Amino acid sequence: MNILSAIIVFENLYEVKRLFHWGPIIALTVISVCSSMAILDSILWYWPLDTTGGSINFIMLINWTVLILYNYFNAMFVGPGYIPLGWKPENQQDIMYLQFCRLCQGYKAPRAHHCRKCNRCVMKMDHHCPWINNCCGHSNHAYFTSFLLLAPLGCIHAALIFIMTMYTQLYDRISFGWSTVKIDMSAARHIHHPIMPFSIAAFAATLFALGLALGTTIAVGMLFFIQMKVILRNKTSIEAWIEEKAKDRIQYYQTGEDFIFPYDLGTRWKNFKQVFTWSGAPLGDGIEWPVHEKCNQYTLTIEQLKQKHDKRQRSVEYRVVEDYNGACCPLGKGLNTFFRTPCTEEPRIKLTKGETIFATRGTKWWMYGDKVLNEEQAKAGVRIRGWFPRRCVEKCHYDSANNSTSEEKKEQ
C-alpha cells in the first residue's frame, strides 16, 4: 500500500511539473493580467460594486476566469489519453493493418500517433500544444476546445472594460487646442469620487492589458475556428493531413481508388457529439470508433501504411559533406538558410561529415530526413530524424532508398 501511495504521489508531482514550462507560464500570466486588471478597473473606476450593474459585471468577470482556468487545467492534467504500453489488438490477424511503435513496444491503435514530446502513443492525437504542455487528443479535446472558446469571450469582455475605463477617466481630462492635444492626469475637471485616482501608472497598466486581451482574442480565436472545423468533420489536424496525402497519392499513381474518410458520421451534429458530451467525457474508449458504412476500423491505418511505403520508395539517399550543429537558425550556413528556417516544432538534427541520411521532403534551403544508424541503434528502436540545411548534403549517385537499410527505417 505504501508503494502504491508513493507511485501515486510521484505521478501527481510529475503532472505538476507541466506548469514549469514557458507555455503554461505565459498563458497563465496573460490570464492573470487580463482578469485582475479587468476586475480592478471595474471596481475602482468604471463600474463600482455599489451598483447593480457593477455587481453583475463583477460576477461575470469572476465566472469567465473560473471557467477559463477550469477548462485550461483539465486540458493540461486530464491529458489526451495514452495507448497502453505493449498494446496489440485482440485479433492477431489485425496486426498486419497496424504500425508497430518500438518506443512503446506495442502497436498503434487506429487514430493514435506517437508524440515525441510526451514519449507515448496518444489516443486520437490532434497535436502537441506547448501552451498546455501536453497533447490534445481523445480525452481532453473538448476541454481544450472549450478553453479556446472561453478565452476570447472573456478577453472581449475585459477589453470592453479597459476601453470604457480609459474613455470615462480621460474624457474630461483631455483638452484640444488648434495644434495640440493635452491630457491632464492630475485631476478631472468634473467631480468624481473614485476609490483611488486614475494615475499614469493605472493608464499604462490598463493599456498594456488591453493589448494582451486583443492579441489573445485574435490568436486564440483563430485556433478555435481551426479546431471546430476539424471537429465538425470528426477529424484531427493529423488526419486532415493524411486525407490530403491520400488524395495526392491516388492522383499521382492513378490507382482509381475512392478514399472515404472513415470517421465522418455524415452530419456535423453527430460529429460534434463525438467530442462534446454533457458529462465532459468523450464517447468511446479511444481505441475502437464508429465508422462510415463503407469503411472498417482499419481503413485509415491501411492508408497510412500505403503512404509509409510510398514515402520509403520515394526517399532519396544523401551523404553529409558539411558538419551541422543542429541549430535552429545556423549563422554559418548562409543568409537564406538562416532566415528561411522551417517554421515548425519538428527537431533539427546534428550532422557529421560522412554520415548517410534518407531525405523524404524539403524546401529550397532545408530538408527533412532520417539518419542511417548502426545495427545496435536500429534494434534498440533509436531513430534520429529532423530538418537540416540542404547545403550540408549532396545526393548520392544512386538511389538506394529501397535497399535493406531503408527497410529497417520503418516508422515507429
Protein backbone atom coordinates (compact mmCIF):
# COMPACT_ATOMS: atom_id res chain seq x y z
CA MET A 1 0.00 0.00 0.00
CA ASN A 2 2.87 2.35 0.81
CA ILE A 3 4.49 1.59 -2.56
CA LEU A 4 1.19 2.30 -4.36
CA SER A 5 0.82 5.59 -2.49
CA ALA A 6 4.37 6.58 -3.40
CA ILE A 7 3.70 5.83 -7.07
CA ILE A 8 0.54 7.98 -6.99
CA VAL A 9 2.39 10.86 -5.32
CA PHE A 10 5.22 10.59 -7.87
CA GLU A 11 2.74 10.67 -10.78
CA ASN A 12 0.99 13.71 -9.29
CA LEU A 13 4.30 15.54 -8.86
CA TYR A 14 5.21 14.69 -12.45
CA GLU A 15 1.94 16.21 -13.67
CA VAL A 16 2.51 19.36 -11.58
CA LYS A 17 5.85 19.77 -13.38
CA ARG A 18 3.88 20.54 -16.53
CA LEU A 19 3.29 24.00 -15.11
CA PHE A 20 7.02 24.79 -15.15
CA HIS A 21 7.26 25.33 -18.88
CA TRP A 22 7.28 28.51 -20.93
CA GLY A 23 3.86 27.72 -22.46
CA PRO A 24 1.78 27.45 -19.26
CA ILE A 25 3.78 30.26 -17.63
CA ILE A 26 2.94 32.68 -20.45
CA ALA A 27 -0.67 31.50 -20.75
CA LEU A 28 -1.39 31.78 -17.02
CA THR A 29 0.36 35.16 -16.87
CA VAL A 30 -1.86 36.53 -19.65
CA ILE A 31 -4.99 35.15 -17.95
CA SER A 32 -3.93 36.63 -14.60
CA VAL A 33 -3.09 40.07 -16.01
CA CYS A 34 -6.28 40.42 -18.05
CA SER A 35 -8.56 39.09 -15.30
CA SER A 36 -7.04 41.08 -12.44
CA MET A 37 -6.86 44.34 -14.40
CA ALA A 38 -10.47 43.96 -15.61
CA ILE A 39 -11.67 43.40 -12.03
CA LEU A 40 -9.61 46.32 -10.66
CA ASP A 41 -10.68 48.72 -13.41
CA SER A 42 -14.34 47.82 -12.85
CA ILE A 43 -14.27 48.15 -9.08
CA LEU A 44 -12.05 51.23 -8.81
CA TRP A 45 -13.02 53.40 -11.78
CA TYR A 46 -15.62 52.16 -14.25
CA TRP A 47 -18.37 50.12 -12.59
CA PRO A 48 -18.17 50.07 -8.75
CA LEU A 49 -19.80 47.30 -6.73
CA ASP A 50 -22.30 49.67 -5.09
CA THR A 51 -24.41 49.49 -8.27
CA THR A 52 -26.48 46.57 -9.55
CA GLY A 53 -24.76 46.63 -12.93
CA GLY A 54 -21.34 46.72 -11.27
CA SER A 55 -22.15 43.67 -9.15
CA ILE A 56 -23.39 41.69 -12.18
CA ASN A 57 -20.33 42.73 -14.17
CA PHE A 58 -18.04 41.64 -11.32
CA ILE A 59 -19.74 38.22 -11.10
CA MET A 60 -19.41 37.74 -14.88
CA LEU A 61 -15.70 38.54 -14.76
CA ILE A 62 -15.17 36.03 -11.96
CA ASN A 63 -17.16 33.40 -13.88
CA TRP A 64 -15.07 33.92 -17.02
CA THR A 65 -11.89 33.45 -15.04
CA VAL A 66 -13.13 30.30 -13.28
CA LEU A 67 -14.43 28.69 -16.49
CA ILE A 68 -11.27 29.52 -18.43
CA LEU A 69 -8.98 28.10 -15.73
CA TYR A 70 -11.21 25.05 -15.23
CA ASN A 71 -11.01 24.04 -18.88
CA TYR A 72 -7.35 25.02 -19.16
CA PHE A 73 -6.23 22.86 -16.22
CA ASN A 74 -8.44 19.97 -17.33
CA ALA A 75 -6.92 20.12 -20.80
CA MET A 76 -3.47 20.05 -19.20
CA PHE A 77 -3.89 17.50 -16.39
CA VAL A 78 -6.62 15.17 -17.75
CA GLY A 79 -4.44 14.71 -20.79
CA PRO A 80 -5.26 13.16 -24.16
CA GLY A 81 -5.27 9.51 -23.07
CA TYR A 82 -2.45 7.11 -23.95
CA ILE A 83 -2.42 3.74 -25.63
CA PRO A 84 -1.33 1.13 -23.01
CA LEU A 85 2.31 0.13 -23.33
CA GLY A 86 2.68 -3.09 -25.31
CA TRP A 87 -0.88 -2.87 -26.68
CA LYS A 88 -1.95 -5.15 -29.51
CA PRO A 89 -5.37 -5.95 -31.00
CA GLU A 90 -7.37 -8.90 -29.69
CA ASN A 91 -7.48 -10.45 -33.15
CA GLN A 92 -3.87 -11.27 -34.02
CA GLN A 93 -4.65 -11.08 -37.76
CA ASP A 94 -5.37 -7.34 -37.38
CA ILE A 95 -1.69 -6.71 -36.59
CA MET A 96 -0.95 -6.62 -40.33
CA TYR A 97 -3.05 -3.43 -40.61
CA LEU A 98 -1.23 -1.54 -37.84
CA GLN A 99 2.11 0.16 -37.33
CA PHE A 100 4.42 -1.02 -34.57
CA CYS A 101 5.91 1.55 -32.18
CA ARG A 102 9.33 0.48 -30.99
CA LEU A 103 9.42 3.07 -28.22
CA CYS A 104 6.12 1.95 -26.67
CA GLN A 105 6.76 -1.69 -27.64
CA GLY A 106 3.24 -2.03 -28.93
CA TYR A 107 1.00 -1.37 -31.90
CA LYS A 108 -0.58 1.97 -32.70
CA ALA A 109 -4.35 1.75 -32.39
CA PRO A 110 -6.44 3.45 -35.09
CA ARG A 111 -6.18 7.27 -34.85
CA ALA A 112 -3.22 7.00 -32.43
CA HIS A 113 0.15 8.60 -33.08
CA HIS A 114 3.42 8.68 -31.16
CA CYS A 115 4.28 12.07 -29.64
CA ARG A 116 7.99 12.85 -29.36
CA LYS A 117 7.39 15.32 -26.52
CA CYS A 118 5.15 13.06 -24.40
CA ASN A 119 7.10 9.95 -25.45
CA ARG A 120 3.87 7.92 -25.66
CA CYS A 121 1.36 6.85 -28.28
CA VAL A 122 -1.58 9.26 -27.90
CA MET A 123 -5.22 8.34 -28.50
CA LYS A 124 -6.75 10.32 -31.39
CA MET A 125 -3.82 12.71 -31.34
CA ASP A 126 -4.55 16.14 -32.81
CA HIS A 127 -1.31 17.94 -31.94
CA HIS A 128 1.08 18.66 -29.10
CA CYS A 129 0.21 22.06 -27.67
CA PRO A 130 3.03 23.97 -25.93
CA TRP A 131 0.52 26.29 -24.21
CA ILE A 132 -0.83 23.41 -22.10
CA ASN A 133 2.47 21.49 -22.26
CA ASN A 134 0.55 18.39 -23.24
CA CYS A 135 -1.05 16.73 -26.24
CA CYS A 136 -4.55 17.49 -27.42
CA GLY A 137 -6.29 14.19 -28.02
CA HIS A 138 -9.22 11.91 -27.24
CA SER A 139 -9.77 12.64 -23.54
CA ASN A 140 -9.11 16.39 -23.44
CA HIS A 141 -10.22 17.57 -26.87
CA ALA A 142 -13.47 19.01 -25.51
CA TYR A 143 -11.73 20.80 -22.61
CA PHE A 144 -9.10 22.23 -24.95
CA THR A 145 -11.66 23.48 -27.47
CA SER A 146 -13.85 24.94 -24.70
CA PHE A 147 -10.83 26.84 -23.44
CA LEU A 148 -10.21 28.16 -26.96
CA LEU A 149 -13.81 29.47 -27.00
CA LEU A 150 -13.99 30.89 -23.49
CA ALA A 151 -10.62 32.66 -23.53
CA PRO A 152 -11.53 35.02 -26.44
CA LEU A 153 -15.00 35.65 -24.98
CA GLY A 154 -13.52 36.55 -21.61
CA CYS A 155 -10.88 38.73 -23.28
CA ILE A 156 -13.55 40.58 -25.29
CA HIS A 157 -15.40 41.36 -22.07
CA ALA A 158 -12.16 42.50 -20.41
CA ALA A 159 -11.23 44.61 -23.45
CA LEU A 160 -14.57 46.44 -23.27
CA ILE A 161 -13.90 47.17 -19.58
CA PHE A 162 -10.44 48.53 -20.41
CA ILE A 163 -11.73 50.73 -23.23
CA MET A 164 -14.61 52.13 -21.19
CA THR A 165 -12.37 52.74 -18.18
CA MET A 166 -9.87 54.77 -20.20
CA TYR A 167 -12.67 56.60 -22.01
CA THR A 168 -14.58 57.61 -18.87
CA GLN A 169 -11.44 58.55 -16.95
CA LEU A 170 -9.81 60.53 -19.75
CA TYR A 171 -12.85 62.15 -21.35
CA ASP A 172 -12.94 65.17 -19.07
CA ARG A 173 -9.14 65.37 -18.76
CA ILE A 174 -8.43 65.97 -22.47
CA SER A 175 -8.21 69.49 -23.84
CA PHE A 176 -7.96 70.13 -27.57
CA GLY A 177 -6.07 73.14 -28.95
CA TRP A 178 -5.56 74.32 -32.50
CA SER A 179 -2.39 72.26 -32.87
CA THR A 180 -2.06 70.23 -29.66
CA VAL A 181 -3.89 67.69 -27.55
CA LYS A 182 -3.18 67.80 -23.81
CA ILE A 183 -4.09 65.26 -21.15
CA ASP A 184 -4.11 66.43 -17.55
CA MET A 185 -3.72 63.34 -15.37
CA SER A 186 -3.53 65.31 -12.14
CA ALA A 187 -7.27 65.65 -11.66
CA ALA A 188 -10.53 65.55 -13.53
CA ARG A 189 -12.36 68.80 -14.24
CA HIS A 190 -15.62 67.30 -13.02
CA ILE A 191 -16.17 65.92 -9.57
CA HIS A 192 -15.52 62.17 -9.24
CA HIS A 193 -15.26 60.05 -6.14
CA PRO A 194 -13.21 57.01 -7.14
CA ILE A 195 -11.68 54.75 -4.52
CA MET A 196 -8.26 55.83 -5.77
CA PRO A 197 -7.17 58.24 -8.54
CA PHE A 198 -6.66 57.05 -12.11
CA SER A 199 -2.94 57.75 -12.41
CA ILE A 200 -0.48 57.47 -15.28
CA ALA A 201 0.60 54.06 -13.95
CA ALA A 202 -3.01 52.86 -13.96
CA PHE A 203 -3.45 54.14 -17.51
CA ALA A 204 -0.29 52.35 -18.68
CA ALA A 205 -1.30 49.07 -16.98
CA THR A 206 -4.80 49.24 -18.49
CA LEU A 207 -3.41 49.95 -21.97
CA PHE A 208 -0.98 47.03 -21.64
CA ALA A 209 -3.77 44.68 -20.52
CA LEU A 210 -5.90 45.88 -23.46
CA GLY A 211 -3.13 44.88 -25.87
CA LEU A 212 -2.88 41.42 -24.29
CA ALA A 213 -6.66 40.95 -24.40
CA LEU A 214 -6.97 41.94 -28.06
CA GLY A 215 -3.96 39.84 -29.09
CA THR A 216 -5.30 36.81 -27.24
CA THR A 217 -8.74 37.25 -28.79
CA ILE A 218 -7.34 37.20 -32.31
CA ALA A 219 -4.76 34.42 -31.84
CA VAL A 220 -6.84 32.04 -29.72
CA GLY A 221 -9.99 32.78 -31.69
CA MET A 222 -8.29 31.64 -34.89
CA LEU A 223 -7.22 28.41 -33.17
CA PHE A 224 -10.81 27.85 -32.04
CA PHE A 225 -12.16 28.08 -35.59
CA ILE A 226 -9.45 25.70 -36.83
CA GLN A 227 -10.37 23.17 -34.12
CA MET A 228 -14.10 23.44 -34.76
CA LYS A 229 -13.52 22.93 -38.48
CA VAL A 230 -11.89 19.53 -37.90
CA ILE A 231 -14.25 18.54 -35.05
CA LEU A 232 -17.35 19.07 -37.20
CA ARG A 233 -15.80 16.67 -39.72
CA ASN A 234 -14.79 14.27 -36.94
CA LYS A 235 -11.13 14.63 -37.87
CA THR A 236 -7.93 15.70 -36.21
CA SER A 237 -5.32 18.01 -37.71
CA ILE A 238 -3.12 14.98 -38.40
CA GLU A 239 -5.96 13.06 -40.07
CA ALA A 240 -6.79 16.03 -42.29
CA TRP A 241 -3.18 15.92 -43.49
CA ILE A 242 -3.36 12.13 -44.02
CA GLU A 243 -6.53 12.54 -46.09
CA GLU A 244 -4.87 15.20 -48.24
CA LYS A 245 -1.86 12.95 -48.83
CA ALA A 246 -4.20 10.06 -49.71
CA LYS A 247 -5.79 12.11 -52.48
CA ASP A 248 -2.35 13.14 -53.75
CA ARG A 249 -1.15 9.52 -53.74
CA ILE A 250 -4.20 8.30 -55.66
CA GLN A 251 -3.85 11.11 -58.19
CA TYR A 252 -0.09 10.60 -58.58
CA TYR A 253 -0.27 6.85 -59.21
CA GLN A 254 -3.68 6.93 -60.94
CA THR A 255 -4.83 3.94 -58.89
CA GLY A 256 -8.52 4.67 -59.36
CA GLU A 257 -9.18 4.24 -55.63
CA ASP A 258 -12.03 6.07 -53.91
CA PHE A 259 -10.75 7.03 -50.47
CA ILE A 260 -13.52 7.70 -47.95
CA PHE A 261 -12.58 9.21 -44.61
CA PRO A 262 -13.92 6.54 -42.21
CA TYR A 263 -14.80 8.62 -39.14
CA ASP A 264 -17.13 11.21 -40.69
CA LEU A 265 -20.56 10.13 -39.44
CA GLY A 266 -22.46 12.08 -42.08
CA THR A 267 -23.74 15.12 -40.17
CA ARG A 268 -21.97 17.86 -38.24
CA TRP A 269 -24.18 17.28 -35.21
CA LYS A 270 -23.22 13.60 -34.94
CA ASN A 271 -19.55 14.50 -35.36
CA PHE A 272 -19.91 17.24 -32.74
CA LYS A 273 -21.39 14.80 -30.20
CA GLN A 274 -18.36 12.52 -30.57
CA VAL A 275 -16.29 15.16 -28.75
CA PHE A 276 -18.72 17.22 -26.67
CA THR A 277 -20.95 15.45 -24.15
CA TRP A 278 -22.90 16.60 -21.09
CA SER A 279 -20.62 14.59 -18.81
CA GLY A 280 -17.49 16.15 -20.31
CA ALA A 281 -16.05 12.71 -21.11
CA PRO A 282 -15.81 11.89 -24.85
CA LEU A 283 -17.61 8.91 -26.34
CA GLY A 284 -15.69 5.68 -26.85
CA ASP A 285 -12.62 4.07 -25.34
CA GLY A 286 -10.12 5.76 -27.65
CA ILE A 287 -9.31 2.52 -29.50
CA GLU A 288 -12.47 1.45 -31.36
CA TRP A 289 -14.52 4.03 -33.26
CA PRO A 290 -17.82 4.25 -35.13
CA VAL A 291 -17.02 4.35 -38.85
CA HIS A 292 -18.64 5.03 -42.20
CA GLU A 293 -20.75 2.16 -43.54
CA LYS A 294 -18.33 1.62 -46.44
CA CYS A 295 -15.27 1.52 -44.17
CA ASN A 296 -13.88 -0.59 -41.33
CA GLN A 297 -11.78 0.01 -38.22
CA TYR A 298 -8.54 -0.15 -40.21
CA THR A 299 -9.38 1.90 -43.30
CA LEU A 300 -7.22 4.82 -42.18
CA THR A 301 -4.36 2.69 -40.84
CA ILE A 302 -4.18 0.80 -44.14
CA GLU A 303 -3.93 4.13 -45.95
CA GLN A 304 -1.15 5.18 -43.55
CA LEU A 305 0.78 2.00 -44.34
CA LYS A 306 0.44 2.73 -48.07
CA GLN A 307 1.74 6.24 -47.51
CA LYS A 308 4.67 4.97 -45.43
CA HIS A 309 5.58 2.51 -48.17
CA ASP A 310 5.32 5.23 -50.80
CA LYS A 311 7.44 7.51 -48.63
CA ARG A 312 10.21 4.88 -48.43
CA GLN A 313 10.00 4.28 -52.17
CA ARG A 314 10.40 7.96 -52.95
CA SER A 315 13.05 8.78 -50.32
CA VAL A 316 16.46 9.80 -51.66
CA GLU A 317 19.85 8.94 -50.19
CA TYR A 318 22.21 11.79 -49.37
CA ARG A 319 25.73 11.93 -47.99
CA VAL A 320 26.72 14.59 -45.46
CA VAL A 321 29.51 16.79 -46.84
CA GLU A 322 29.43 19.57 -44.23
CA ASP A 323 29.08 19.46 -40.45
CA TYR A 324 25.96 20.97 -38.86
CA ASN A 325 25.49 21.56 -35.12
CA GLY A 326 21.69 21.29 -35.09
CA ALA A 327 20.99 25.00 -34.54
CA CYS A 328 17.53 26.26 -35.45
CA CYS A 329 18.93 29.27 -37.30
CA PRO A 330 22.59 28.48 -38.13
CA LEU A 331 24.77 31.52 -38.69
CA GLY A 332 27.41 29.93 -40.87
CA LYS A 333 25.18 28.28 -43.48
CA GLY A 334 24.15 31.33 -45.49
CA LEU A 335 21.56 34.09 -45.11
CA ASN A 336 18.79 32.19 -46.88
CA THR A 337 19.28 29.17 -44.62
CA PHE A 338 19.25 31.45 -41.57
CA PHE A 339 16.14 33.47 -42.46
CA ARG A 340 14.15 30.70 -44.15
CA THR A 341 14.36 28.12 -41.41
CA PRO A 342 11.19 25.93 -41.29
CA CYS A 343 8.50 27.38 -39.02
CA THR A 344 7.78 24.15 -37.17
CA GLU A 345 8.42 22.49 -33.82
CA GLU A 346 9.96 19.50 -35.59
CA PRO A 347 13.57 18.97 -34.47
CA ARG A 348 16.82 19.81 -36.23
CA ILE A 349 19.38 17.03 -36.30
CA LYS A 350 23.11 17.31 -35.88
CA LEU A 351 25.14 16.15 -38.88
CA THR A 352 28.72 14.93 -39.13
CA LYS A 353 30.60 14.75 -42.39
CA GLY A 354 30.45 11.27 -43.90
CA GLU A 355 27.06 10.25 -42.44
CA THR A 356 24.24 8.97 -44.63
CA ILE A 357 20.70 10.26 -44.49
CA PHE A 358 17.47 9.50 -46.35
CA ALA A 359 15.54 12.67 -47.22
CA THR A 360 11.78 12.44 -47.59
CA ARG A 361 10.78 16.07 -48.09
CA GLY A 362 12.20 19.53 -48.07
CA THR A 363 12.23 23.15 -49.15
CA LYS A 364 14.68 25.07 -51.29
CA TRP A 365 17.02 25.63 -48.35
CA TRP A 366 16.17 22.86 -45.86
CA MET A 367 15.50 19.12 -45.99
CA TYR A 368 13.83 16.62 -43.67
CA GLY A 369 15.00 13.03 -43.31
CA ASP A 370 16.24 10.06 -41.27
CA LYS A 371 19.80 9.24 -40.38
CA VAL A 372 21.09 5.78 -41.27
CA LEU A 373 22.08 4.25 -37.91
CA ASN A 374 24.12 1.22 -36.97
CA GLU A 375 22.54 -2.18 -36.25
CA GLU A 376 22.57 -1.79 -32.45
CA GLN A 377 20.76 1.55 -32.60
CA ALA A 378 18.23 0.21 -35.10
CA LYS A 379 17.44 -2.82 -32.93
CA ALA A 380 17.07 -0.58 -29.87
CA GLY A 381 14.43 1.45 -31.67
CA VAL A 382 16.58 4.58 -31.86
CA ARG A 383 15.57 6.97 -34.58
CA ILE A 384 17.13 10.31 -35.49
CA ARG A 385 15.11 12.40 -37.89
CA GLY A 386 14.54 16.07 -38.45
CA TRP A 387 15.46 19.13 -40.51
CA PHE A 388 18.92 20.04 -41.74
CA PRO A 389 20.35 22.60 -44.21
CA ARG A 390 20.30 21.41 -47.82
CA ARG A 391 23.81 22.76 -48.42
CA CYS A 392 25.23 20.27 -45.89
CA VAL A 393 24.43 17.21 -48.04
CA GLU A 394 24.84 16.03 -51.58
CA LYS A 395 22.81 13.44 -53.42
CA CYS A 396 24.40 10.04 -53.89
CA HIS A 397 24.95 8.87 -57.45
CA TYR A 398 22.48 6.03 -56.92
CA ASP A 399 19.15 5.91 -55.11
CA SER A 400 19.19 3.05 -52.65
CA ALA A 401 16.03 4.02 -50.83
CA ASN A 402 14.61 0.59 -51.49
CA ASN A 403 17.54 -1.41 -50.15
CA SER A 404 17.66 -3.33 -46.91
CA THR A 405 18.92 -0.36 -44.94
CA SER A 406 15.84 1.61 -45.89
CA GLU A 407 13.61 -1.28 -44.91
CA GLU A 408 14.99 -1.14 -41.40
CA LYS A 409 13.99 2.52 -41.13
CA LYS A 410 10.29 1.98 -40.69
CA GLU A 411 8.01 4.41 -38.99
CA GLN A 412 7.71 3.97 -35.26
